[in-house]
Amino acid sequence: MRNLLLLFFLGCILFANEIPAKFKDPRNCIACHKDQVLQWQTSLHAISHEDKNELYKKAVEFSAIDSHKSFEEMLVTCGTCHNPRLEIKSVADEFIIAKEFLGSNAKEVKEVNDAISAKHVKTGISCYICHNADSVKQNHSDTKSGYNALNFVTDDTIVGPFESNDRAGYHKTDKREHFISGNDLCLACHQGFGSANKFSLYEMRNEFQSSKSSDRCVDCHMKFSKNEIIAPTINKTTAVARDIKDHQFSGVRNDPELLESAMEISLDKREKALIIKNLIPHRLPSGFSGRSIVVDVDYGENLKEFNEKFEIRAKYFDFKSDETLSYTAQNLVFDTRLKPLEVRKIPLKVPQKTEKINLEINYYVLDPNLAKKLEIKDEQFLKPYLILKKEYIW
């Protein structure tokens, strides 16, 4: 019986191309690319594995329970983008039987757990994920994202925006167009379904196309660059300095200025309205369905009963009409997210005798209501990230 289960299980596993050992640990890149590695360590890319990201782990656990799947099966599904070099691509039904009746030491179970917890997988979306992407499959469907959309280099060549040369020594280098133009590399993961649920679509490409913008993702999320010679072993008299982009992959957690430059906010006294302009070519907030922006309008101590609050987010219900994540949702209750480059006028119920308005706008990586439901403790996912706090004389 055990051997039969193993055959079934192995038949449902696809192994990725072998990764050169020297690329598996980002620390090996520090000698020549110290700044880039340190920047990357502040990003969500660096904590895309469940052991380093409480929100991701609990979202997977929550979705697994709601969809009646094992935690491991859901991890492998999410690993399509969270861990594109995960060495298993599916978990057979027989795995559940083996786990239940043979225990965690069973070979069938151990192989899955070893793949999920492999050291190189725990490094998240690290250097070799992007810089080993040989090409991006054109016109890949939303159900074929992540590793399904990528062809990886099969040797020790590191690819990027620069011509091939023999300066590196530690690895070969070569140029790829997807580092120079377009958004295909980013959209390999940021456009596609997070689960089989129709509400789980990450649709950054669709949002970009609707905005008709020619901007690139890196214009905002890798916006800083530095002209430098990065490898210390290169002969400085013959080496050519190059413009190296910032690798912190700016987000609200590690770049406070990102949100300030994403929105334009004003009050229209004549029309008694709050005017919010989305300055970016994708929705705000976008991506993960748990994100939200909360607008608090305070009319002063004497008029506190008139204070107003607005949520800019998507809200989903499960079959019990309880709030949930998009991955297992049954209904979209409302979607007030700002469309790409949208200018929105929000009417205010400004009471008489109003002398000043205190406006505060905060961004939440995870909406407070969902944070309670998922029992999140990590402060980086709980705290509000301030967009604007300002007093207006009325």
Protein backbone atom coordinates (compact mmCIF):
# COMPACT_ATOMS: atom_id res chain seq x y z
CA MET A 1 0.00 0.00 0.00
CA ARG A 2 2.79 2.38 0.95
CA ASN A 3 4.69 1.76 -2.29
CA LEU A 4 1.51 2.32 -4.29
CA LEU A 5 0.97 5.66 -2.58
CA LEU A 6 4.54 6.60 -3.35
CA LEU A 7 4.09 5.83 -7.05
CA PHE A 8 0.95 7.92 -7.21
CA PHE A 9 2.63 10.73 -5.36
CA LEU A 10 5.79 10.79 -7.45
CA GLY A 11 3.70 10.75 -10.58
CA CYS A 12 2.22 14.10 -9.56
CA ILE A 13 5.54 15.81 -8.86
CA LEU A 14 7.53 17.81 -11.40
CA PHE A 15 11.08 18.75 -10.50
CA ALA A 16 12.52 22.11 -11.50
CA ASN A 17 15.84 22.49 -13.33
CA GLU A 18 18.75 22.06 -10.96
CA ILE A 19 19.88 25.41 -9.56
CA PRO A 20 23.64 26.06 -9.35
CA ALA A 21 24.54 25.77 -5.67
CA LYS A 22 26.34 29.12 -5.60
CA PHE A 23 23.12 30.96 -6.47
CA LYS A 24 20.97 29.39 -3.74
CA ASP A 25 22.17 31.65 -0.93
CA PRO A 26 21.95 35.45 -1.44
CA ARG A 27 24.86 35.85 0.98
CA ASN A 28 27.09 34.56 -1.80
CA CYS A 29 26.20 37.69 -3.78
CA ILE A 30 27.27 40.14 -1.07
CA ALA A 31 30.95 40.25 -2.01
CA CYS A 32 30.15 42.11 -5.24
CA HIS A 33 26.57 43.28 -4.70
CA LYS A 34 26.42 44.26 -1.03
CA ASP A 35 24.18 47.31 -1.44
CA GLN A 36 21.70 45.42 -3.60
CA VAL A 37 21.47 42.50 -1.15
CA LEU A 38 20.98 44.79 1.85
CA GLN A 39 18.26 46.70 -0.01
CA TRP A 40 16.54 43.47 -1.05
CA GLN A 41 16.50 42.29 2.56
CA THR A 42 14.02 45.10 3.40
CA SER A 43 11.57 44.02 0.68
CA LEU A 44 8.55 41.74 0.65
CA HIS A 45 10.45 39.64 -1.89
CA ALA A 46 12.85 38.64 0.88
CA ILE A 47 10.03 37.35 3.09
CA SER A 48 7.89 35.55 0.53
CA HIS A 49 8.38 32.25 2.41
CA GLU A 50 5.90 31.39 5.16
CA ASP A 51 8.62 30.99 7.81
CA LYS A 52 9.53 34.67 7.46
CA ASN A 53 6.10 36.18 6.92
CA GLU A 54 3.32 35.76 9.48
CA LEU A 55 0.69 37.31 7.24
CA TYR A 56 1.48 34.99 4.34
CA LYS A 57 1.53 31.91 6.58
CA LYS A 58 -1.77 32.73 8.27
CA ALA A 59 -3.41 33.67 4.98
CA VAL A 60 -2.40 30.28 3.58
CA GLU A 61 -3.66 28.48 6.69
CA PHE A 62 -6.93 30.41 6.57
CA SER A 63 -7.43 29.74 2.85
CA ALA A 64 -6.56 26.06 3.23
CA ILE A 65 -9.24 25.58 5.88
CA ASP A 66 -11.84 27.52 3.90
CA SER A 67 -11.12 25.57 0.71
CA HIS A 68 -10.86 22.17 2.45
CA LYS A 69 -7.26 21.64 1.35
CA SER A 70 -4.12 20.73 3.23
CA PHE A 71 -1.74 23.49 4.29
CA GLU A 72 0.98 21.93 2.14
CA GLU A 73 -1.21 21.80 -0.96
CA MET A 74 -2.11 25.47 -0.56
CA LEU A 75 1.55 26.38 -0.02
CA VAL A 76 2.53 24.69 -3.27
CA THR A 77 -0.29 26.47 -5.09
CA CYS A 78 0.80 29.84 -3.71
CA GLY A 79 4.42 28.89 -4.34
CA THR A 80 3.75 29.35 -8.04
CA CYS A 81 4.67 32.99 -7.42
CA HIS A 82 5.89 33.09 -3.82
CA ASN A 83 8.57 30.48 -4.50
CA PRO A 84 8.94 29.98 -8.29
CA ARG A 85 11.86 27.55 -7.88
CA LEU A 86 9.96 25.28 -5.51
CA GLU A 87 10.96 21.78 -6.58
CA ILE A 88 7.45 20.36 -6.42
CA LYS A 89 4.65 21.73 -8.53
CA SER A 90 1.66 19.82 -7.19
CA VAL A 91 0.63 17.69 -4.23
CA ALA A 92 -1.33 14.54 -5.00
CA ASP A 93 -4.43 13.54 -3.03
CA GLU A 94 -2.51 10.49 -1.86
CA PHE A 95 -0.26 12.81 0.15
CA ILE A 96 -3.14 13.46 2.55
CA ILE A 97 -3.61 9.75 3.11
CA ALA A 98 0.09 9.25 3.71
CA LYS A 99 0.22 12.18 6.13
CA GLU A 100 -2.84 10.97 8.02
CA PHE A 101 -2.02 7.29 8.28
CA LEU A 102 1.77 7.05 7.90
CA GLY A 103 2.82 10.23 9.72
CA SER A 104 5.24 13.04 9.00
CA ASN A 105 8.21 10.67 8.71
CA ALA A 106 6.68 8.83 5.78
CA LYS A 107 8.79 9.22 2.66
CA GLU A 108 5.86 10.63 0.69
CA VAL A 109 5.29 13.33 3.31
CA LYS A 110 8.95 14.04 3.94
CA GLU A 111 9.62 14.78 0.27
CA VAL A 112 6.94 17.47 0.22
CA ASN A 113 8.04 18.99 3.52
CA ASP A 114 11.70 18.95 2.51
CA ALA A 115 10.89 20.76 -0.74
CA ILE A 116 8.77 23.39 1.01
CA SER A 117 11.40 24.05 3.67
CA ALA A 118 14.49 23.83 1.44
CA LYS A 119 17.10 26.47 2.32
CA HIS A 120 17.07 28.07 -1.12
CA VAL A 121 13.26 28.27 -1.04
CA LYS A 122 13.33 29.98 2.34
CA THR A 123 15.33 32.84 0.83
CA GLY A 124 12.12 33.91 -0.95
CA ILE A 125 12.22 35.84 -4.21
CA SER A 126 15.98 36.23 -4.07
CA CYS A 127 18.61 37.21 -6.62
CA TYR A 128 18.56 34.05 -8.73
CA ILE A 129 14.78 34.10 -9.23
CA CYS A 130 14.77 37.24 -11.38
CA HIS A 131 18.36 37.17 -12.61
CA ASN A 132 18.01 33.55 -13.72
CA ALA A 133 14.85 34.23 -15.78
CA ASP A 134 15.93 33.44 -19.33
CA SER A 135 12.64 34.57 -20.89
CA VAL A 136 9.03 35.33 -20.08
CA LYS A 137 6.44 33.32 -21.98
CA GLN A 138 4.39 35.64 -24.13
CA ASN A 139 0.61 35.77 -23.72
CA HIS A 140 0.60 33.38 -20.78
CA SER A 141 -2.84 33.02 -19.27
CA ASP A 142 -3.88 34.22 -15.83
CA THR A 143 -3.95 30.60 -14.68
CA LYS A 144 -0.34 30.09 -15.79
CA SER A 145 1.57 32.68 -13.79
CA GLY A 146 4.76 32.51 -11.74
CA TYR A 147 7.02 29.63 -12.71
CA ASN A 148 4.51 28.65 -15.41
CA ALA A 149 5.25 31.95 -17.17
CA LEU A 150 9.03 31.79 -16.91
CA ASN A 151 11.82 29.92 -18.65
CA PHE A 152 14.93 29.73 -16.50
CA VAL A 153 18.58 29.70 -17.55
CA THR A 154 19.99 26.18 -17.33
CA ASP A 155 23.61 27.03 -16.53
CA ASP A 156 25.41 29.51 -14.26
CA THR A 157 24.63 32.56 -16.37
CA ILE A 158 23.21 35.57 -14.53
CA VAL A 159 21.02 37.70 -16.78
CA GLY A 160 20.24 41.40 -16.50
CA PRO A 161 20.15 44.68 -18.45
CA PHE A 162 23.81 44.67 -19.50
CA GLU A 163 25.77 43.10 -22.35
CA SER A 164 27.59 39.84 -21.69
CA ASN A 165 31.22 40.09 -20.62
CA ASP A 166 33.87 38.11 -18.81
CA ARG A 167 34.45 40.56 -15.95
CA ALA A 168 32.49 38.78 -13.27
CA GLY A 169 34.50 35.61 -12.93
CA TYR A 170 32.13 34.12 -10.37
CA HIS A 171 29.40 33.67 -12.98
CA LYS A 172 28.72 34.35 -16.63
CA THR A 173 26.53 37.32 -17.55
CA ASP A 174 24.19 38.09 -20.39
CA LYS A 175 21.59 40.68 -21.37
CA ARG A 176 17.84 40.06 -21.56
CA GLU A 177 15.28 42.46 -23.00
CA HIS A 178 12.79 41.98 -20.15
CA PHE A 179 15.20 43.89 -17.86
CA ILE A 180 15.34 46.83 -20.27
CA SER A 181 11.79 47.47 -21.44
CA GLY A 182 8.22 46.60 -20.55
CA ASN A 183 6.85 44.98 -17.41
CA ASP A 184 6.79 41.32 -18.46
CA LEU A 185 9.15 40.07 -15.76
CA CYS A 186 7.18 41.70 -12.93
CA LEU A 187 3.84 40.70 -14.43
CA ALA A 188 4.86 37.06 -14.60
CA CYS A 189 3.81 36.95 -10.93
CA HIS A 190 1.78 40.12 -10.47
CA GLN A 191 -0.81 39.13 -13.08
CA GLY A 192 -2.61 35.86 -12.43
CA PHE A 193 -4.88 33.95 -10.10
CA GLY A 194 -3.78 33.47 -6.50
CA SER A 195 -6.11 30.47 -6.23
CA ALA A 196 -8.82 28.77 -8.24
CA ASN A 197 -11.31 31.36 -6.98
CA LYS A 198 -12.48 33.94 -9.53
CA PHE A 199 -12.02 36.76 -7.00
CA SER A 200 -8.33 35.99 -6.41
CA LEU A 201 -7.03 37.55 -9.61
CA TYR A 202 -3.99 39.80 -9.32
CA GLU A 203 -4.55 41.95 -12.39
CA MET A 204 -1.74 44.46 -12.59
CA ARG A 205 -1.40 44.05 -16.36
CA ASN A 206 -5.10 44.73 -16.87
CA GLU A 207 -4.83 47.83 -14.70
CA PHE A 208 -1.81 49.12 -16.59
CA GLN A 209 -3.50 48.57 -19.93
CA SER A 210 -6.64 50.39 -18.81
CA SER A 211 -4.54 53.41 -17.82
CA LYS A 212 -2.80 53.49 -21.23
CA SER A 213 0.38 54.39 -19.36
CA SER A 214 3.86 53.66 -20.69
CA ASP A 215 5.34 53.61 -17.18
CA ARG A 216 7.33 50.65 -15.98
CA CYS A 217 6.98 49.00 -12.57
CA VAL A 218 10.63 49.78 -11.87
CA ASP A 219 9.99 53.52 -12.33
CA CYS A 220 8.40 53.55 -8.85
CA HIS A 221 9.52 50.34 -7.17
CA MET A 222 13.19 50.50 -8.21
CA LYS A 223 13.20 54.25 -8.71
CA PHE A 224 16.65 55.11 -7.42
CA SER A 225 19.82 54.27 -9.31
CA LYS A 226 23.49 54.71 -8.65
CA ASN A 227 26.34 54.92 -11.14
CA GLU A 228 29.03 52.64 -9.79
CA ILE A 229 31.50 49.84 -10.31
CA ILE A 230 30.06 47.10 -8.17
CA ALA A 231 32.57 44.23 -8.23
CA PRO A 232 35.59 44.95 -6.00
CA THR A 233 37.84 42.51 -7.89
CA ILE A 234 37.51 44.35 -11.22
CA ASN A 235 40.41 46.43 -12.49
CA LYS A 236 39.18 49.96 -11.80
CA THR A 237 41.24 51.44 -14.63
CA THR A 238 39.42 49.42 -17.29
CA ALA A 239 36.04 48.89 -15.63
CA VAL A 240 33.00 50.86 -16.75
CA ALA A 241 30.61 52.28 -14.16
CA ARG A 242 26.99 51.34 -14.75
CA ASP A 243 23.63 52.64 -13.52
CA ILE A 244 22.50 50.10 -10.93
CA LYS A 245 18.89 50.28 -9.80
CA ASP A 246 17.83 50.23 -6.18
CA HIS A 247 16.79 46.71 -5.14
CA GLN A 248 14.60 47.45 -2.12
CA PHE A 249 11.50 47.01 -4.32
CA SER A 250 9.82 49.99 -2.68
CA GLY A 251 6.59 49.38 -0.81
CA VAL A 252 4.75 51.06 2.03
CA ARG A 253 6.80 49.15 4.61
CA ASN A 254 10.23 50.29 3.45
CA ASP A 255 9.62 53.51 1.52
CA PRO A 256 7.46 56.17 3.25
CA GLU A 257 7.68 58.47 0.24
CA LEU A 258 5.98 55.95 -2.04
CA LEU A 259 2.47 56.70 -0.81
CA GLU A 260 3.04 60.45 -0.71
CA SER A 261 3.85 60.41 -4.41
CA ALA A 262 0.97 58.07 -5.26
CA MET A 263 -1.92 60.37 -4.32
CA GLU A 264 -2.91 64.01 -4.66
CA ILE A 265 -5.37 65.12 -1.98
CA SER A 266 -7.34 68.35 -1.58
CA LEU A 267 -10.56 69.75 -0.12
CA ASP A 268 -13.07 71.59 -2.29
CA LYS A 269 -14.81 74.04 0.03
CA ARG A 270 -17.36 75.20 -2.52
CA GLU A 271 -18.58 71.67 -3.29
CA LYS A 272 -17.95 70.33 0.23
CA ALA A 273 -15.95 67.44 -1.11
CA LEU A 274 -12.70 65.59 -0.63
CA ILE A 275 -10.80 65.22 -3.91
CA ILE A 276 -8.44 62.26 -4.23
CA LYS A 277 -6.40 61.71 -7.35
CA ASN A 278 -4.65 58.40 -7.95
CA LEU A 279 -1.38 59.34 -9.65
CA ILE A 280 -0.29 55.79 -10.50
CA PRO A 281 -1.28 53.55 -13.43
CA HIS A 282 -2.72 50.77 -11.31
CA ARG A 283 -5.42 50.58 -8.67
CA LEU A 284 -4.84 51.91 -5.18
CA PRO A 285 -4.61 49.79 -3.17
CA SER A 286 -3.78 46.98 -5.57
CA GLY A 287 -2.53 43.40 -5.38
CA PHE A 288 -3.27 41.53 -2.13
CA SER A 289 -7.00 41.73 -1.38
CA GLY A 290 -6.53 42.50 2.32
CA ARG A 291 -5.07 45.96 1.82
CA SER A 292 -7.03 49.10 2.60
CA ILE A 293 -6.85 52.88 2.83
CA VAL A 294 -8.84 54.55 5.61
CA VAL A 295 -9.85 58.23 5.42
CA ASP A 296 -10.78 59.89 8.74
CA VAL A 297 -12.48 63.31 8.62
CA ASP A 298 -12.59 65.07 12.00
CA TYR A 299 -14.72 68.22 12.33
CA GLY A 300 -13.41 69.15 15.78
CA GLU A 301 -14.12 68.37 19.41
CA ASN A 302 -17.48 70.17 19.49
CA LEU A 303 -18.74 68.43 16.34
CA LYS A 304 -17.36 64.93 16.93
CA GLU A 305 -20.71 63.27 16.26
CA PHE A 306 -20.40 64.42 12.64
CA ASN A 307 -16.99 62.84 12.02
CA GLU A 308 -16.81 60.68 8.90
CA LYS A 309 -14.78 57.64 7.87
CA PHE A 310 -14.30 56.20 4.37
CA GLU A 311 -12.76 52.89 3.39
CA ILE A 312 -10.95 52.52 0.09
CA ARG A 313 -10.68 48.77 -0.40
CA ALA A 314 -12.33 45.62 -1.69
CA LYS A 315 -14.44 43.67 0.80
CA TYR A 316 -15.32 40.00 0.38
CA PHE A 317 -17.73 37.65 2.16
CA ASP A 318 -17.66 33.88 2.45
CA PHE A 319 -20.76 31.68 2.18
CA LYS A 320 -21.67 32.56 5.78
CA SER A 321 -21.53 36.29 4.99
CA ASP A 322 -18.41 36.67 7.11
CA GLU A 323 -15.56 38.84 5.88
CA THR A 324 -12.81 36.85 4.20
CA LEU A 325 -9.89 37.01 1.78
CA SER A 326 -10.45 36.88 -1.97
CA TYR A 327 -8.92 33.40 -2.31
CA THR A 328 -12.00 31.67 -0.88
CA ALA A 329 -14.65 34.41 -1.23
CA GLN A 330 -18.19 33.79 -2.41
CA ASN A 331 -19.17 37.42 -2.91
CA LEU A 332 -17.57 40.78 -3.53
CA VAL A 333 -19.49 43.07 -1.17
CA PHE A 334 -18.00 46.33 -2.41
CA ASP A 335 -14.94 47.60 -4.22
CA THR A 336 -14.06 51.25 -3.60
CA ARG A 337 -10.42 51.01 -4.68
CA LEU A 338 -9.20 53.90 -6.78
CA LYS A 339 -8.94 52.99 -10.45
CA PRO A 340 -5.71 53.77 -12.32
CA LEU A 341 -5.26 57.57 -12.57
CA GLU A 342 -8.81 58.10 -11.24
CA VAL A 343 -9.88 61.43 -9.77
CA ARG A 344 -12.56 60.79 -7.15
CA LYS A 345 -14.81 63.33 -5.49
CA ILE A 346 -16.08 62.22 -2.06
CA PRO A 347 -18.98 64.38 -0.78
CA LEU A 348 -18.61 65.48 2.83
CA LYS A 349 -21.40 66.19 5.30
CA VAL A 350 -19.73 69.29 6.68
CA PRO A 351 -21.84 70.55 9.59
CA GLN A 352 -22.62 74.18 10.18
CA LYS A 353 -20.22 76.05 12.48
CA THR A 354 -17.30 74.00 11.21
CA GLU A 355 -14.13 76.05 11.64
CA LYS A 356 -11.50 73.50 10.69
CA ILE A 357 -11.25 69.97 9.35
CA ASN A 358 -8.59 67.54 10.46
CA LEU A 359 -7.94 65.02 7.72
CA GLU A 360 -5.97 61.82 8.29
CA ILE A 361 -5.43 59.14 5.65
CA ASN A 362 -3.69 55.85 6.47
CA TYR A 363 -2.73 52.79 4.46
CA TYR A 364 -3.02 49.31 5.96
CA VAL A 365 -1.09 46.35 4.58
CA LEU A 366 -3.90 44.30 6.15
CA ASP A 367 -7.26 45.83 6.99
CA PRO A 368 -7.76 45.92 10.81
CA ASN A 369 -10.91 43.75 10.63
CA LEU A 370 -9.07 41.03 8.73
CA ALA A 371 -6.06 41.36 11.02
CA LYS A 372 -8.27 40.38 13.96
CA LYS A 373 -9.76 37.48 12.04
CA LEU A 374 -6.36 36.13 11.04
CA GLU A 375 -4.95 36.86 14.53
CA ILE A 376 -1.92 38.66 13.15
CA LYS A 377 0.66 39.81 15.72
CA ASP A 378 3.47 41.18 13.54
CA GLU A 379 3.40 44.96 13.86
CA GLN A 380 4.55 45.62 10.28
CA PHE A 381 1.25 44.16 9.09
CA LEU A 382 -0.88 45.84 11.75
CA LYS A 383 0.27 49.43 12.02
CA PRO A 384 -1.14 52.21 9.85
CA TYR A 385 1.22 53.78 7.32
CA LEU A 386 0.49 57.50 7.21
CA ILE A 387 -0.31 59.03 3.85
CA LEU A 388 -1.53 62.44 5.03
CA LYS A 389 -2.32 64.24 8.27
CA LYS A 390 -3.35 67.86 7.81
CA GLU A 391 -5.54 70.57 9.32
CA TYR A 392 -7.63 72.63 6.92
CA ILE A 393 -9.23 75.95 7.88
CA TRP A 394 -12.82 75.83 6.68
